[in-house]
């Protein structure tokens, strides 16, 4: 048979179960971008929605993309604004960099706006795209570079993969990326942890790895934000404390739960940020005074919850806080209560302690009410009580 008589190549199969991932993505692009058909089942729904948003923004898949940093002023502003996040992420990303070193993948932490705040060091597998993209100050949000794992994940709030041709722009087809969100105490997504490779598809579950280290960053961020609250750690095994599997919660001076981390919310089947009125005693079976006693004990103890579940629990005050809270009045300058002591105390320190003891007695141990009576913050009282062995 001559060359002219050879039959045409067989078309790509329409059934995605009979094609490779690469073939399915190629077929999806053909149907969507060339025929205007919805390629359901060929790419994930979040990726397809991202393609739709890009087209809606009058972008063309054939555009050439350059990874340019934002202005120096905006970069400096974002770095300053996200200082606590960067500090929380520094050690986990350094560890992650060691873990993935042999995979030739890069790790990047972006703020919620998609600008890179931290990037791991270059690897031998970096191509021209990663060498320019993985730099502090570069905007890799969807509105800048089209469909990518960080841009999709910030929309969905879930772990996301974008592989090769799933990127909206054809020039980015050599990239493979996975990203996971990082949330603050309010449950708002404040950052994305991205793993990207230009050396070929991941040979490990990059989404699971990104999620695990994003959780580490999130937990560190939450612990740092708990300076003004009683921090609780809990899990079925105390060996899980300090790992991505630990549950965290913050309890305020009224004995109310202010927030849970992701694991804690799952354990109690409740929102990360409970509605007003969720008392710690209802959740953990321990009132505020008992939790403060647990903090004074300094070690984890098993506790049977009202649900019947027994968890190991640990309570801490001002956990991981290395900075003194600014703007709080000095304890020696506290105004006296309505009934001043009859005898002058021997020192300013004793006077402060005596005033606090009287305020707590009048408020029946309610730290929040005592703080309002004395005109100081709850966090300041917590610190003084801990110094005196009362918490």
Protein backbone atom coordinates (compact mmCIF):
# COMPACT_ATOMS: atom_id res chain seq x y z
CA UNK A 1 0.00 0.00 0.00
CA UNK A 2 1.44 3.38 -0.97
CA UNK A 3 1.76 6.26 1.44
CA UNK A 4 -1.12 8.07 -0.27
CA UNK A 5 -3.36 5.03 0.25
CA UNK A 6 -2.74 4.66 4.00
CA UNK A 7 -5.90 5.11 6.07
CA UNK A 8 -6.18 8.27 8.18
CA UNK A 9 -5.21 7.97 11.84
CA UNK A 10 -7.96 6.80 14.15
CA UNK A 11 -9.70 9.62 16.02
CA UNK A 12 -9.19 9.97 19.75
CA UNK A 13 -11.65 7.79 21.63
CA UNK A 14 -14.62 9.67 23.02
CA UNK A 15 -14.81 7.44 26.08
CA UNK A 16 -12.36 8.81 28.67
CA UNK A 17 -11.86 5.36 30.22
CA UNK A 18 -10.06 4.23 27.06
CA UNK A 19 -7.59 7.09 26.81
CA UNK A 20 -4.54 8.28 28.72
CA UNK A 21 -4.81 11.43 30.80
CA UNK A 22 -2.88 13.33 28.14
CA UNK A 23 -5.28 12.16 25.43
CA UNK A 24 -8.30 13.06 27.53
CA UNK A 25 -7.01 16.58 28.11
CA UNK A 26 -6.24 16.99 24.39
CA UNK A 27 -9.75 15.86 23.55
CA UNK A 28 -11.22 18.20 26.18
CA UNK A 29 -9.34 21.17 24.73
CA UNK A 30 -10.48 20.31 21.23
CA UNK A 31 -14.12 20.02 22.24
CA UNK A 32 -14.14 23.12 24.41
CA UNK A 33 -11.88 25.60 22.62
CA UNK A 34 -12.51 24.53 19.01
CA UNK A 35 -16.04 23.09 18.98
CA UNK A 36 -17.53 25.06 21.88
CA UNK A 37 -18.72 21.82 23.53
CA UNK A 38 -18.62 21.15 27.25
CA UNK A 39 -16.07 18.32 27.80
CA UNK A 40 -17.73 16.83 30.88
CA UNK A 41 -15.80 13.96 32.41
CA UNK A 42 -12.56 14.72 30.57
CA UNK A 43 -11.21 17.36 32.99
CA UNK A 44 -12.28 18.22 36.53
CA UNK A 45 -15.14 20.65 37.03
CA UNK A 46 -12.93 23.25 38.84
CA UNK A 47 -10.51 23.27 35.89
CA UNK A 48 -13.37 23.59 33.41
CA UNK A 49 -14.84 26.50 35.40
CA UNK A 50 -11.43 28.18 35.37
CA UNK A 51 -11.27 27.83 31.57
CA UNK A 52 -14.68 29.47 31.41
CA UNK A 53 -13.58 32.39 33.59
CA UNK A 54 -10.48 32.90 31.44
CA UNK A 55 -12.52 33.00 28.24
CA UNK A 56 -14.97 35.35 29.95
CA UNK A 57 -12.04 37.69 30.64
CA UNK A 58 -11.35 37.76 26.86
CA UNK A 59 -8.15 35.73 27.16
CA UNK A 60 -6.93 33.44 24.37
CA UNK A 61 -5.31 30.03 25.00
CA UNK A 62 -2.62 30.94 22.45
CA UNK A 63 -1.35 33.99 24.36
CA UNK A 64 2.27 33.99 25.50
CA UNK A 65 2.63 34.40 29.26
CA UNK A 66 5.53 35.97 31.13
CA UNK A 67 5.96 35.70 34.87
CA UNK A 68 6.69 39.26 35.87
CA UNK A 69 6.98 40.44 39.49
CA UNK A 70 4.56 43.01 40.80
CA UNK A 71 6.00 46.39 41.78
CA UNK A 72 8.61 46.54 44.52
CA UNK A 73 6.29 48.67 46.63
CA UNK A 74 3.45 46.17 46.39
CA UNK A 75 5.82 43.28 47.11
CA UNK A 76 7.15 45.03 50.21
CA UNK A 77 3.62 45.82 51.35
CA UNK A 78 2.50 42.20 50.94
CA UNK A 79 5.56 40.87 52.76
CA UNK A 80 4.91 43.23 55.66
CA UNK A 81 1.18 42.52 55.77
CA UNK A 82 1.78 38.74 55.74
CA UNK A 83 4.63 38.74 58.24
CA UNK A 84 2.92 36.33 60.65
CA UNK A 85 2.05 33.97 57.80
CA UNK A 86 5.63 34.00 56.49
CA UNK A 87 7.02 33.29 59.95
CA UNK A 88 4.59 30.39 60.41
CA UNK A 89 5.54 28.96 57.01
CA UNK A 90 9.30 29.31 57.15
CA UNK A 91 10.17 26.05 58.96
CA UNK A 92 7.53 23.83 57.28
CA UNK A 93 8.60 24.99 53.82
CA UNK A 94 12.27 24.44 54.67
CA UNK A 95 11.39 20.88 55.69
CA UNK A 96 9.23 20.39 52.60
CA UNK A 97 12.09 21.58 50.40
CA UNK A 98 14.26 18.78 51.81
CA UNK A 99 11.51 16.21 51.36
CA UNK A 100 10.90 17.00 47.67
CA UNK A 101 14.53 17.74 46.74
CA UNK A 102 14.93 14.52 44.76
CA UNK A 103 11.67 15.01 42.84
CA UNK A 104 12.86 18.21 41.10
CA UNK A 105 9.66 19.95 42.23
CA UNK A 106 9.49 23.49 43.63
CA UNK A 107 7.42 24.75 46.56
CA UNK A 108 5.83 28.20 46.61
CA UNK A 109 3.69 29.99 49.18
CA UNK A 110 1.42 32.69 47.79
CA UNK A 111 -0.78 35.17 49.58
CA UNK A 112 -4.52 35.12 48.93
CA UNK A 113 -3.95 37.49 46.00
CA UNK A 114 -1.68 34.96 44.30
CA UNK A 115 1.66 36.76 44.77
CA UNK A 116 4.59 34.50 45.75
CA UNK A 117 5.82 35.18 49.29
CA UNK A 118 8.25 32.26 49.67
CA UNK A 119 9.85 30.06 46.99
CA UNK A 120 12.10 27.06 47.51
CA UNK A 121 15.50 26.96 45.87
CA UNK A 122 15.92 26.07 42.16
CA UNK A 123 16.45 22.42 41.19
CA UNK A 124 18.20 20.78 38.22
CA UNK A 125 14.77 19.99 36.78
CA UNK A 126 13.70 23.62 36.48
CA UNK A 127 12.88 24.79 33.00
CA UNK A 128 12.46 28.38 31.85
CA UNK A 129 8.91 28.60 33.23
CA UNK A 130 9.71 27.64 36.83
CA UNK A 131 12.90 29.66 36.87
CA UNK A 132 10.84 32.79 36.24
CA UNK A 133 7.64 31.82 38.09
CA UNK A 134 9.11 30.62 41.41
CA UNK A 135 10.32 34.02 42.58
CA UNK A 136 9.13 36.24 45.42
CA UNK A 137 6.83 38.94 44.11
CA UNK A 138 5.62 37.09 41.00
CA UNK A 139 1.84 37.02 40.55
CA UNK A 140 0.62 33.50 39.70
CA UNK A 141 -3.07 34.18 40.32
CA UNK A 142 -5.65 33.11 37.76
CA UNK A 143 -6.18 36.61 36.41
CA UNK A 144 -2.44 36.83 35.63
CA UNK A 145 -1.46 33.36 34.36
CA UNK A 146 -4.79 31.65 33.73
CA UNK A 147 -5.71 28.21 35.03
CA UNK A 148 -3.24 26.98 37.64
CA UNK A 149 -3.47 25.06 40.90
CA UNK A 150 -3.15 28.09 43.24
CA UNK A 151 -5.76 30.09 41.31
CA UNK A 152 -8.23 27.21 41.20
CA UNK A 153 -7.70 26.17 44.83
CA UNK A 154 -8.25 29.69 46.16
CA UNK A 155 -11.67 29.64 44.45
CA UNK A 156 -12.70 26.19 45.69
CA UNK A 157 -11.00 26.19 49.08
CA UNK A 158 -9.88 22.64 48.37
CA UNK A 159 -6.74 20.83 47.23
CA UNK A 160 -6.39 21.15 43.47
CA UNK A 161 -4.30 19.57 40.70
CA UNK A 162 -3.66 21.16 37.32
CA UNK A 163 -1.64 18.90 35.06
CA UNK A 164 0.07 19.80 31.80
CA UNK A 165 -2.50 20.73 29.18
CA UNK A 166 -5.11 21.50 31.81
CA UNK A 167 -3.47 24.94 32.07
CA UNK A 168 -5.52 27.43 30.09
CA UNK A 169 -2.57 28.81 28.15
CA UNK A 170 -0.88 26.36 25.80
CA UNK A 171 2.57 27.77 26.60
CA UNK A 172 2.24 26.43 30.18
CA UNK A 173 1.53 22.83 29.13
CA UNK A 174 4.90 21.62 30.47
CA UNK A 175 3.94 22.56 34.04
CA UNK A 176 2.32 20.23 36.57
CA UNK A 177 1.13 21.72 39.85
CA UNK A 178 -0.87 20.97 42.99
CA UNK A 179 -1.97 23.46 45.64
CA UNK A 180 -3.69 23.48 49.02
CA UNK A 181 -5.23 26.40 50.94
CA UNK A 182 -4.07 27.82 54.28
CA UNK A 183 -6.80 29.35 56.48
CA UNK A 184 -6.73 31.75 59.41
CA UNK A 185 -8.74 31.66 62.63
CA UNK A 186 -11.82 33.03 60.87
CA UNK A 187 -11.71 30.23 58.29
CA UNK A 188 -10.73 32.64 55.52
CA UNK A 189 -8.20 31.44 52.94
CA UNK A 190 -5.09 33.59 53.43
CA UNK A 191 -2.50 31.66 51.45
CA UNK A 192 -1.88 28.82 49.00
CA UNK A 193 0.91 26.27 49.20
CA UNK A 194 1.85 25.16 45.69
CA UNK A 195 4.07 22.35 44.40
CA UNK A 196 5.12 22.71 40.76
CA UNK A 197 7.21 20.58 38.42
CA UNK A 198 8.54 21.24 34.95
CA UNK A 199 10.47 17.96 34.81
CA UNK A 200 7.36 15.91 34.05
CA UNK A 201 4.31 14.65 35.99
CA UNK A 202 4.66 14.11 39.73
CA UNK A 203 5.62 10.60 40.74
CA UNK A 204 4.00 11.05 44.16
CA UNK A 205 0.71 12.45 45.44
CA UNK A 206 1.62 16.13 45.27
CA UNK A 207 -1.85 17.18 46.42
CA UNK A 208 -1.58 15.15 49.63
CA UNK A 209 1.93 16.51 50.26
CA UNK A 210 0.78 20.10 49.70
CA UNK A 211 -2.21 19.57 51.99
CA UNK A 212 -0.10 18.10 54.80
CA UNK A 213 2.38 20.99 54.83
CA UNK A 214 -0.36 23.59 54.32
CA UNK A 215 -1.96 22.16 57.47
CA UNK A 216 1.36 22.52 59.32
CA UNK A 217 1.54 26.17 58.29
CA UNK A 218 -2.10 26.75 59.18
CA UNK A 219 -1.70 25.21 62.65
CA UNK A 220 1.36 27.35 63.36
CA UNK A 221 -0.52 30.43 62.20
CA UNK A 222 -3.48 29.60 64.45
CA UNK A 223 -1.27 28.93 67.46
CA UNK A 224 0.38 32.30 66.97
CA UNK A 225 -3.04 33.95 66.74
CA UNK A 226 -4.15 32.41 70.06
CA UNK A 227 -2.11 34.76 72.23
CA UNK A 228 -5.23 36.31 73.73
CA UNK A 229 -6.98 32.99 74.28
CA UNK A 230 -6.58 29.66 76.00
CA UNK A 231 -5.20 27.24 73.41
CA UNK A 232 -6.36 23.62 73.49
CA UNK A 233 -4.68 20.67 71.79
CA UNK A 234 -6.57 17.38 71.55
CA UNK A 235 -6.60 14.05 69.76
CA UNK A 236 -7.25 10.39 70.42
CA UNK A 237 -3.49 9.89 70.89
CA UNK A 238 -1.15 12.45 72.40
CA UNK A 239 1.54 11.25 69.97
CA UNK A 240 -0.38 13.26 67.33
CA UNK A 241 0.27 16.56 69.13
CA UNK A 242 2.52 18.81 67.09
CA UNK A 243 1.61 17.02 63.85
CA UNK A 244 -0.90 17.91 61.10
CA UNK A 245 -3.30 15.46 62.79
CA UNK A 246 -3.71 17.41 66.04
CA UNK A 247 -6.93 19.20 66.87
CA UNK A 248 -6.73 22.83 68.00
CA UNK A 249 -9.26 25.16 69.58
CA UNK A 250 -9.17 28.60 71.21
CA UNK A 251 -11.27 29.46 74.27
CA UNK A 252 -11.87 33.06 75.34
CA UNK A 253 -12.15 34.58 78.80
CA UNK A 254 -15.87 33.86 78.89
CA UNK A 255 -15.25 30.15 78.42
CA UNK A 256 -16.55 30.21 74.83
CA UNK A 257 -14.92 28.39 71.91
CA UNK A 258 -13.77 30.96 69.35
CA UNK A 259 -12.41 28.67 66.64
CA UNK A 260 -11.28 25.17 65.71
CA UNK A 261 -8.65 24.16 63.21
CA UNK A 262 -9.68 21.79 60.39
CA UNK A 263 -9.04 18.61 62.37
CA UNK A 264 -10.87 19.94 65.43
CA UNK A 265 -13.88 20.94 63.36
CA UNK A 266 -13.99 17.44 61.85
CA UNK A 267 -13.72 15.74 65.26
CA UNK A 268 -16.70 17.70 66.58
CA UNK A 269 -18.58 17.89 63.27
CA UNK A 270 -18.98 21.66 63.55
CA UNK A 271 -17.86 24.82 61.73
CA UNK A 272 -14.31 26.06 62.12
CA UNK A 273 -15.69 29.26 63.61
CA UNK A 274 -18.68 28.31 65.77
CA UNK A 275 -21.67 30.55 66.12
CA UNK A 276 -21.84 32.63 69.28
CA UNK A 277 -22.86 30.57 72.26
CA UNK A 278 -20.72 27.40 71.95
CA UNK A 279 -19.40 26.95 75.48
CA UNK A 280 -16.20 25.00 76.03
CA UNK A 281 -17.95 23.02 78.75
CA UNK A 282 -20.55 21.81 76.25
CA UNK A 283 -17.83 20.67 73.86
CA UNK A 284 -15.09 19.38 76.14
CA UNK A 285 -16.91 18.75 79.41
CA UNK A 286 -14.61 21.23 81.18
CA UNK A 287 -15.41 24.77 82.27
CA UNK A 288 -12.98 27.67 82.03
CA UNK A 289 -11.58 27.19 85.56
CA UNK A 290 -10.98 23.50 84.87
CA UNK A 291 -9.25 24.32 81.59
CA UNK A 292 -7.04 26.86 83.38
CA UNK A 293 -6.19 24.18 85.91
CA UNK A 294 -5.28 21.88 83.02
CA UNK A 295 -3.01 24.62 81.65
CA UNK A 296 -1.34 24.94 85.06
CA UNK A 297 -0.81 21.16 85.10
CA UNK A 298 1.19 21.58 81.89
CA UNK A 299 0.69 18.06 80.54
CA UNK A 300 -1.88 16.30 78.40
CA UNK A 301 -4.60 14.36 80.21
CA UNK A 302 -7.33 12.03 78.94
CA UNK A 303 -10.79 13.56 79.09
CA UNK A 304 -14.14 11.96 78.34
CA UNK A 305 -16.23 14.38 76.31
CA UNK A 306 -20.00 14.85 76.53
CA UNK A 307 -20.19 12.82 73.29
CA UNK A 308 -18.67 9.82 75.08
CA UNK A 309 -15.43 10.09 73.14
CA UNK A 310 -12.22 10.15 75.20
CA UNK A 311 -9.47 12.43 73.90
CA UNK A 312 -6.11 13.48 75.22
CA UNK A 313 -6.19 17.21 75.97
CA UNK A 314 -3.57 19.83 76.67
CA UNK A 315 -4.18 23.50 77.50
CA UNK A 316 -1.68 26.33 77.11
CA UNK A 317 -1.68 30.07 77.67
CA UNK A 318 0.18 32.33 75.21
CA UNK A 319 1.55 29.32 73.33
CA UNK A 320 4.37 30.14 70.86
CA UNK A 321 4.14 33.88 71.55
CA UNK A 322 7.60 35.43 71.55
CA UNK A 323 6.47 39.05 71.30
CA UNK A 324 5.02 41.15 74.11
CA UNK A 325 1.57 42.42 73.23
CA UNK A 326 1.90 46.11 72.33
CA UNK A 327 -0.48 48.80 73.41
CA UNK A 328 -1.54 47.19 76.70
CA UNK A 329 -1.38 49.28 79.88
CA UNK A 330 1.23 48.28 82.44
CA UNK A 331 -0.12 46.15 85.26
CA UNK A 332 1.35 48.54 87.86
CA UNK A 333 -0.86 51.33 86.47
CA UNK A 334 -4.16 49.52 87.03
CA UNK A 335 -6.88 51.59 88.68
CA UNK A 336 -7.92 50.34 92.12
CA UNK A 337 -11.26 48.60 92.61
CA UNK A 338 -14.16 50.28 94.41
CA UNK A 339 -12.93 49.08 97.81
CA UNK A 340 -9.21 49.71 98.11
CA UNK A 341 -7.13 47.61 100.53
CA UNK A 342 -6.85 49.09 104.00
CA UNK A 343 -3.11 48.56 104.31
CA UNK A 344 -0.53 49.71 101.79
CA UNK A 345 1.17 46.81 100.07
CA UNK A 346 4.95 46.50 100.31
CA UNK A 347 5.65 46.79 96.57
CA UNK A 348 4.08 47.74 93.25
CA UNK A 349 4.20 44.07 92.21
CA UNK A 350 2.28 43.07 95.33
CA UNK A 351 -0.19 45.89 94.74
CA UNK A 352 -0.83 44.62 91.23
CA UNK A 353 -1.35 41.11 92.51
CA UNK A 354 -3.61 42.24 95.30
CA UNK A 355 -5.80 44.27 92.94
CA UNK A 356 -6.06 41.36 90.52
CA UNK A 357 -6.91 38.90 93.31
CA UNK A 358 -9.67 41.19 94.57
CA UNK A 359 -11.09 41.70 91.07
CA UNK A 360 -11.13 37.95 90.42
CA UNK A 361 -12.81 37.30 93.74
CA UNK A 362 -15.54 39.83 93.00
CA UNK A 363 -16.06 38.36 89.53
CA UNK A 364 -16.08 34.78 90.89
CA UNK A 365 -13.03 33.87 88.80
CA UNK A 366 -14.37 35.28 85.52
CA UNK A 367 -11.21 36.61 83.86
CA UNK A 368 -13.07 38.59 81.22
CA UNK A 369 -15.15 40.48 83.80
CA UNK A 370 -12.09 41.06 85.99
CA UNK A 371 -10.18 42.45 83.02
CA UNK A 372 -13.00 44.89 82.24
CA UNK A 373 -13.15 45.96 85.90
CA UNK A 374 -9.40 46.64 85.93
CA UNK A 375 -9.32 48.22 82.47
CA UNK A 376 -6.79 45.79 80.92
CA UNK A 377 -6.88 42.94 78.40
CA UNK A 378 -7.67 39.31 79.20
CA UNK A 379 -4.31 38.31 77.72
CA UNK A 380 -2.46 40.46 80.25
CA UNK A 381 -4.31 38.85 83.14
CA UNK A 382 -3.63 35.39 81.72
CA UNK A 383 0.10 36.14 81.63
CA UNK A 384 0.19 37.47 85.19
CA UNK A 385 -1.78 34.53 86.52
CA UNK A 386 0.58 32.13 84.81
CA UNK A 387 3.58 33.95 86.29
CA UNK A 388 2.05 33.61 89.75
CA UNK A 389 1.14 29.93 89.32
CA UNK A 390 -2.58 30.63 89.22
CA UNK A 391 -3.04 29.32 85.65
